[in-house]
């Protein structure tokens, strides 16, 4: 049985803080489920370069808040026609994600509602080839956060305008635009129900739950985390120093960008970004490679001692090296 919580907020900073608090602090509950919504927001992946993912002028025009989440993957658009879900479960000795297993409770619920959803690619849930959900994961100690979006009645025209999607991503999928590969569940099912109706229907079809609430003291901690982390420019935008070597490549496991500062043949700074699906921070790689000689053999040897799958998802060591040492 899952402990079920609702955030009672549409604020993306607060909601992401609420989710993180449940993951890191409610360890007395092995299984937790959240359903939640954000007002107009673009939620970027943990490792993405915020400035290159968003159409800044469009975001301002539509009142869209940009917030970085704690999981990898690409940028997604949220509005009140979108429903977000989070599952927190035990994850001992996990080195990679089996999306079909992680998404099984959601898929089962959607099937019960007559929605023939299936997993496709590295992190999508689709109906008849059209994407209705993007997923991402984070590993925290022995706990796994698996979360995602559900497009129910989202304004897809705004989604198209505020996301600056890499053309190589569209090309790799054989499509012309974001809108040509996504669809609303309401449109697919030809339903007259509201997003809130869908929320209640989905909750009824999901695994057995016991609803709980946070205490006033716990909610105070959530608000503190929202303000100090998720609302901060340092977290959402970060520093984007000018590196001497910049390389960007797209692999089956996602886009990978590497910026290196090399002085006197030594790596003095490195920044890894992209929409890959790492389970833990890429800072472990950055720290391990800083102060090494900028030599492919030496860097390759250092990578052998790192849990690369946890950091970069399905991007291989060879692919990573090809980005660090472009031809």
Protein backbone atom coordinates (compact mmCIF):
# COMPACT_ATOMS: atom_id res chain seq x y z
CA UNK A 1 0.00 0.00 0.00
CA UNK A 2 1.17 3.51 -0.85
CA UNK A 3 0.97 6.54 1.43
CA UNK A 4 -0.76 9.16 -0.71
CA UNK A 5 -0.20 12.91 -0.40
CA UNK A 6 -1.42 16.02 -2.21
CA UNK A 7 0.49 19.30 -2.14
CA UNK A 8 -2.54 21.65 -2.07
CA UNK A 9 -0.54 24.05 -4.24
CA UNK A 10 -0.05 24.98 -7.89
CA UNK A 11 3.35 26.60 -7.23
CA UNK A 12 6.07 24.61 -9.07
CA UNK A 13 8.82 25.59 -6.62
CA UNK A 14 6.73 24.46 -3.67
CA UNK A 15 5.56 21.27 -5.36
CA UNK A 16 9.05 20.16 -6.32
CA UNK A 17 10.22 20.90 -2.78
CA UNK A 18 7.27 18.90 -1.41
CA UNK A 19 8.22 15.96 -3.60
CA UNK A 20 11.88 16.13 -2.55
CA UNK A 21 10.91 16.31 1.14
CA UNK A 22 8.82 13.15 0.75
CA UNK A 23 11.76 11.38 -0.90
CA UNK A 24 14.46 12.40 1.54
CA UNK A 25 12.62 12.85 4.84
CA UNK A 26 9.57 10.55 4.93
CA UNK A 27 11.78 7.47 5.07
CA UNK A 28 9.43 5.76 7.53
CA UNK A 29 7.11 5.15 4.56
CA UNK A 30 8.63 2.75 1.99
CA UNK A 31 6.06 3.55 -0.71
CA UNK A 32 4.71 7.03 -1.38
CA UNK A 33 2.52 8.38 -4.18
CA UNK A 34 1.77 11.99 -5.10
CA UNK A 35 -0.59 13.57 -7.61
CA UNK A 36 -0.07 17.29 -8.21
CA UNK A 37 -0.42 20.17 -10.66
CA UNK A 38 1.55 23.29 -11.54
CA UNK A 39 0.38 26.56 -12.98
CA UNK A 40 2.15 27.66 -16.19
CA UNK A 41 5.73 26.46 -15.85
CA UNK A 42 8.59 24.92 -17.75
CA UNK A 43 10.31 22.27 -15.66
CA UNK A 44 13.81 21.64 -16.95
CA UNK A 45 15.93 18.55 -16.35
CA UNK A 46 18.56 18.47 -13.62
CA UNK A 47 21.47 18.66 -16.07
CA UNK A 48 20.09 20.94 -18.76
CA UNK A 49 21.37 24.37 -19.72
CA UNK A 50 18.36 26.51 -18.84
CA UNK A 51 19.21 29.34 -21.22
CA UNK A 52 19.27 27.06 -24.26
CA UNK A 53 16.08 25.13 -23.45
CA UNK A 54 13.61 27.99 -23.10
CA UNK A 55 12.28 30.65 -25.45
CA UNK A 56 12.77 33.45 -22.91
CA UNK A 57 10.54 36.03 -24.58
CA UNK A 58 7.69 33.55 -25.01
CA UNK A 59 8.02 32.42 -21.40
CA UNK A 60 7.69 36.02 -20.23
CA UNK A 61 4.75 36.66 -22.57
CA UNK A 62 2.78 33.69 -21.25
CA UNK A 63 3.77 34.14 -17.61
CA UNK A 64 5.68 30.86 -17.51
CA UNK A 65 7.88 30.10 -14.50
CA UNK A 66 11.10 28.19 -15.20
CA UNK A 67 12.13 25.73 -12.48
CA UNK A 68 14.79 23.01 -12.47
CA UNK A 69 13.78 19.61 -11.09
CA UNK A 70 16.04 17.10 -9.36
CA UNK A 71 15.82 14.43 -12.08
CA UNK A 72 17.40 14.16 -15.52
CA UNK A 73 15.71 14.22 -18.90
CA UNK A 74 14.37 17.08 -20.98
CA UNK A 75 12.28 20.19 -20.44
CA UNK A 76 8.50 19.81 -20.09
CA UNK A 77 5.65 22.32 -20.04
CA UNK A 78 3.09 22.28 -17.23
CA UNK A 79 -0.27 23.99 -16.92
CA UNK A 80 -3.49 23.13 -15.12
CA UNK A 81 -4.47 20.80 -17.96
CA UNK A 82 -1.49 18.64 -17.02
CA UNK A 83 -1.43 16.16 -14.12
CA UNK A 84 1.84 15.13 -12.50
CA UNK A 85 2.49 11.89 -10.64
CA UNK A 86 5.30 10.75 -8.35
CA UNK A 87 6.08 7.27 -7.05
CA UNK A 88 8.69 6.72 -4.34
CA UNK A 89 9.69 3.09 -3.82
CA UNK A 90 12.56 1.02 -2.41
CA UNK A 91 15.50 0.62 -4.80
CA UNK A 92 18.35 -1.47 -3.45
CA UNK A 93 21.49 -1.90 -5.56
CA UNK A 94 19.91 -0.18 -8.55
CA UNK A 95 22.27 0.63 -11.44
CA UNK A 96 19.77 1.23 -14.25
CA UNK A 97 16.06 1.82 -14.72
CA UNK A 98 13.63 -0.64 -16.24
CA UNK A 99 10.97 1.85 -17.30
CA UNK A 100 8.33 -0.81 -17.85
CA UNK A 101 8.70 -1.89 -14.23
CA UNK A 102 8.80 1.66 -12.83
CA UNK A 103 5.78 2.72 -14.88
CA UNK A 104 3.75 -0.45 -14.29
CA UNK A 105 1.35 1.02 -11.64
CA UNK A 106 0.53 4.00 -13.86
CA UNK A 107 0.13 1.90 -17.01
CA UNK A 108 -2.17 -0.50 -15.18
CA UNK A 109 -4.34 2.40 -14.01
CA UNK A 110 -4.49 3.94 -17.48
CA UNK A 111 -5.47 0.58 -18.98
CA UNK A 112 -8.24 0.25 -16.40
CA UNK A 113 -9.53 3.62 -17.62
CA UNK A 114 -9.54 2.36 -21.20
CA UNK A 115 -6.39 4.24 -22.25
CA UNK A 116 -4.09 1.88 -24.16
CA UNK A 117 -0.81 3.43 -23.04
CA UNK A 118 2.59 1.80 -23.46
CA UNK A 119 6.24 2.58 -22.82
CA UNK A 120 8.25 3.77 -25.80
CA UNK A 121 11.89 4.75 -26.09
CA UNK A 122 13.96 5.75 -23.10
CA UNK A 123 11.36 7.70 -21.10
CA UNK A 124 8.06 8.18 -22.97
CA UNK A 125 4.57 6.80 -22.43
CA UNK A 126 2.52 6.87 -25.61
CA UNK A 127 -0.93 6.07 -26.97
CA UNK A 128 -1.05 5.12 -30.65
CA UNK A 129 2.46 6.52 -31.06
CA UNK A 130 1.58 9.91 -29.55
CA UNK A 131 3.32 10.96 -26.35
CA UNK A 132 1.09 11.59 -23.34
CA UNK A 133 3.76 11.36 -20.64
CA UNK A 134 7.45 11.97 -20.14
CA UNK A 135 9.14 10.29 -17.20
CA UNK A 136 12.33 10.73 -15.18
CA UNK A 137 13.96 9.16 -12.14
CA UNK A 138 16.25 9.96 -9.24
CA UNK A 139 18.07 7.64 -6.88
CA UNK A 140 18.38 8.82 -3.27
CA UNK A 141 20.21 6.34 -1.04
CA UNK A 142 18.04 3.20 -1.28
CA UNK A 143 14.94 5.00 -2.56
CA UNK A 144 13.83 5.61 -6.14
CA UNK A 145 11.76 8.59 -7.26
CA UNK A 146 9.92 7.90 -10.51
CA UNK A 147 7.79 10.77 -11.73
CA UNK A 148 6.24 12.17 -14.86
CA UNK A 149 3.64 14.27 -16.59
CA UNK A 150 0.25 13.33 -17.96
CA UNK A 151 -1.02 15.56 -20.75
CA UNK A 152 -4.78 15.62 -20.26
CA UNK A 153 -5.99 19.01 -21.46
CA UNK A 154 -2.77 21.02 -21.82
CA UNK A 155 -2.55 24.05 -24.13
CA UNK A 156 -0.23 22.51 -26.68
CA UNK A 157 0.13 25.79 -28.58
CA UNK A 158 1.88 27.38 -25.59
CA UNK A 159 4.00 24.26 -25.11
CA UNK A 160 5.26 24.61 -28.67
CA UNK A 161 6.16 28.28 -28.20
CA UNK A 162 8.01 28.21 -24.90
CA UNK A 163 10.20 25.13 -25.44
CA UNK A 164 13.31 25.57 -27.56
CA UNK A 165 13.62 21.97 -28.68
CA UNK A 166 16.90 20.81 -30.19
CA UNK A 167 16.34 20.09 -33.89
CA UNK A 168 18.55 16.99 -33.66
CA UNK A 169 16.07 15.48 -31.22
CA UNK A 170 13.21 15.91 -33.68
CA UNK A 171 15.31 14.59 -36.54
CA UNK A 172 16.32 11.51 -34.57
CA UNK A 173 12.65 10.70 -34.02
CA UNK A 174 11.62 11.45 -37.61
CA UNK A 175 9.19 14.22 -36.67
CA UNK A 176 8.81 17.89 -37.57
CA UNK A 177 7.70 19.50 -34.31
CA UNK A 178 6.84 18.93 -30.68
CA UNK A 179 3.12 19.13 -31.42
CA UNK A 180 3.37 16.40 -34.05
CA UNK A 181 4.44 13.86 -31.42
CA UNK A 182 2.35 14.80 -28.35
CA UNK A 183 -1.37 14.62 -27.65
CA UNK A 184 -3.82 15.21 -24.84
CA UNK A 185 -5.58 12.25 -23.25
CA UNK A 186 -8.84 14.20 -23.43
CA UNK A 187 -8.43 14.48 -27.20
CA UNK A 188 -7.50 10.81 -27.62
CA UNK A 189 -10.41 9.53 -25.52
CA UNK A 190 -12.86 12.19 -26.74
CA UNK A 191 -13.82 12.77 -23.13
CA UNK A 192 -15.94 15.61 -21.75
CA UNK A 193 -14.44 15.25 -18.27
CA UNK A 194 -12.35 17.96 -16.63
CA UNK A 195 -8.74 17.50 -15.55
CA UNK A 196 -9.94 17.26 -11.95
CA UNK A 197 -12.38 14.51 -12.94
CA UNK A 198 -9.52 12.66 -14.60
CA UNK A 199 -7.43 13.10 -11.43
CA UNK A 200 -10.12 11.38 -9.36
CA UNK A 201 -10.64 8.62 -11.92
CA UNK A 202 -6.90 7.94 -12.06
CA UNK A 203 -6.58 7.92 -8.27
CA UNK A 204 -9.34 5.33 -8.10
CA UNK A 205 -7.56 3.11 -10.61
CA UNK A 206 -4.10 3.37 -9.01
CA UNK A 207 -2.84 0.95 -6.31
CA UNK A 208 -4.43 0.99 -2.85
CA UNK A 209 -3.49 4.11 -0.92
CA UNK A 210 -3.80 5.62 2.52
CA UNK A 211 -3.99 9.41 2.42
CA UNK A 212 -1.75 11.23 4.90
CA UNK A 213 -0.83 14.87 5.48
CA UNK A 214 2.31 16.63 6.60
CA UNK A 215 2.50 18.38 9.96
CA UNK A 216 2.83 22.15 10.26
CA UNK A 217 6.51 21.71 11.09
CA UNK A 218 7.07 19.51 8.05
CA UNK A 219 5.26 21.98 5.78
CA UNK A 220 7.52 24.71 7.13
CA UNK A 221 10.51 22.65 5.99
CA UNK A 222 8.95 22.27 2.55
CA UNK A 223 8.49 26.05 2.28
CA UNK A 224 12.09 26.61 3.34
CA UNK A 225 13.37 24.18 0.72
CA UNK A 226 11.16 25.77 -1.94
CA UNK A 227 12.53 29.23 -1.20
CA UNK A 228 16.19 28.37 -0.65
CA UNK A 229 16.55 25.87 -3.50
CA UNK A 230 13.81 25.72 -6.10
CA UNK A 231 13.11 29.45 -6.23
CA UNK A 232 16.79 30.41 -6.37
CA UNK A 233 18.52 31.63 -9.51
CA UNK A 234 21.60 29.63 -8.58
CA UNK A 235 19.62 26.37 -8.79
CA UNK A 236 17.47 27.23 -11.79
CA UNK A 237 19.94 29.04 -14.00
CA UNK A 238 23.30 28.35 -12.42
CA UNK A 239 26.62 29.61 -13.62
CA UNK A 240 27.43 29.27 -17.31
CA UNK A 241 31.15 30.03 -17.58
CA UNK A 242 32.86 30.24 -20.95
CA UNK A 243 34.82 27.02 -21.47
CA UNK A 244 37.65 26.62 -23.96
CA UNK A 245 36.37 23.31 -25.31
CA UNK A 246 32.66 22.94 -25.98
CA UNK A 247 31.10 19.87 -27.54
CA UNK A 248 27.53 18.68 -27.98
CA UNK A 249 26.34 15.33 -29.32
CA UNK A 250 23.09 13.38 -29.36
CA UNK A 251 23.13 9.67 -28.63
CA UNK A 252 20.32 7.11 -28.22
CA UNK A 253 20.57 7.79 -24.48
CA UNK A 254 20.03 11.53 -24.89
CA UNK A 255 21.81 14.78 -25.60
CA UNK A 256 25.20 15.31 -23.94
CA UNK A 257 27.03 18.63 -23.71
CA UNK A 258 30.51 19.03 -22.29
CA UNK A 259 32.38 22.23 -21.53
CA UNK A 260 36.01 21.94 -20.48
CA UNK A 261 38.56 24.47 -19.32
CA UNK A 262 42.01 23.05 -20.07
CA UNK A 263 45.11 24.91 -18.94
CA UNK A 264 48.65 23.66 -19.54
CA UNK A 265 47.21 20.30 -20.50
CA UNK A 266 45.23 19.94 -17.25
CA UNK A 267 41.42 19.86 -16.93
CA UNK A 268 40.81 22.73 -14.52
CA UNK A 269 37.04 22.86 -14.96
CA UNK A 270 34.31 20.74 -16.52
CA UNK A 271 30.55 21.14 -16.88
CA UNK A 272 28.33 18.28 -18.05
CA UNK A 273 24.79 19.02 -19.18
CA UNK A 274 22.09 17.51 -21.37
CA UNK A 275 18.81 15.62 -21.24
CA UNK A 276 20.29 12.21 -20.38
CA UNK A 277 18.55 10.21 -17.66
CA UNK A 278 21.10 9.99 -14.89
CA UNK A 279 19.91 8.70 -11.54
CA UNK A 280 22.47 10.65 -9.52
CA UNK A 281 24.26 13.96 -10.02
CA UNK A 282 26.86 14.30 -12.76
CA UNK A 283 29.00 16.23 -10.28
CA UNK A 284 30.69 12.96 -9.36
CA UNK A 285 32.13 12.76 -12.87
CA UNK A 286 33.05 16.44 -12.92
CA UNK A 287 34.93 16.14 -9.64
CA UNK A 288 36.71 12.95 -10.71
CA UNK A 289 37.99 14.48 -13.95
CA UNK A 290 39.03 17.88 -12.58
CA UNK A 291 42.83 18.19 -12.28
CA UNK A 292 43.45 15.24 -14.58
CA UNK A 293 45.67 15.48 -17.65
CA UNK A 294 43.55 16.15 -20.73
CA UNK A 295 44.42 12.81 -22.29
CA UNK A 296 41.87 10.33 -23.62
CA UNK A 297 43.59 7.28 -22.14
CA UNK A 298 43.94 8.87 -18.69
CA UNK A 299 40.32 10.07 -18.67
CA UNK A 300 39.11 6.65 -19.86
CA UNK A 301 40.93 4.99 -16.96
CA UNK A 302 39.31 7.38 -14.50
CA UNK A 303 35.86 6.58 -15.90
CA UNK A 304 36.38 2.87 -15.25
CA UNK A 305 36.17 3.57 -11.51
CA UNK A 306 32.87 5.47 -11.75
CA UNK A 307 29.27 4.14 -11.81
CA UNK A 308 28.70 5.71 -15.22
CA UNK A 309 25.19 4.26 -15.67
CA UNK A 310 24.03 6.00 -12.51
CA UNK A 311 25.48 9.33 -13.68
CA UNK A 312 24.64 9.26 -17.40
CA UNK A 313 21.90 6.68 -17.87
CA UNK A 314 22.46 4.64 -21.03
CA UNK A 315 25.18 6.88 -22.46
CA UNK A 316 28.29 4.73 -22.71
CA UNK A 317 31.85 5.55 -21.73
CA UNK A 318 32.84 5.52 -25.41
CA UNK A 319 30.11 8.01 -26.28
CA UNK A 320 31.05 10.23 -23.36
CA UNK A 321 34.71 10.21 -24.40
CA UNK A 322 33.77 11.13 -27.98
CA UNK A 323 32.11 14.24 -26.57
CA UNK A 324 35.07 15.17 -24.36
CA UNK A 325 37.55 14.59 -27.18
CA UNK A 326 35.74 15.72 -30.34
CA UNK A 327 37.44 15.09 -33.67
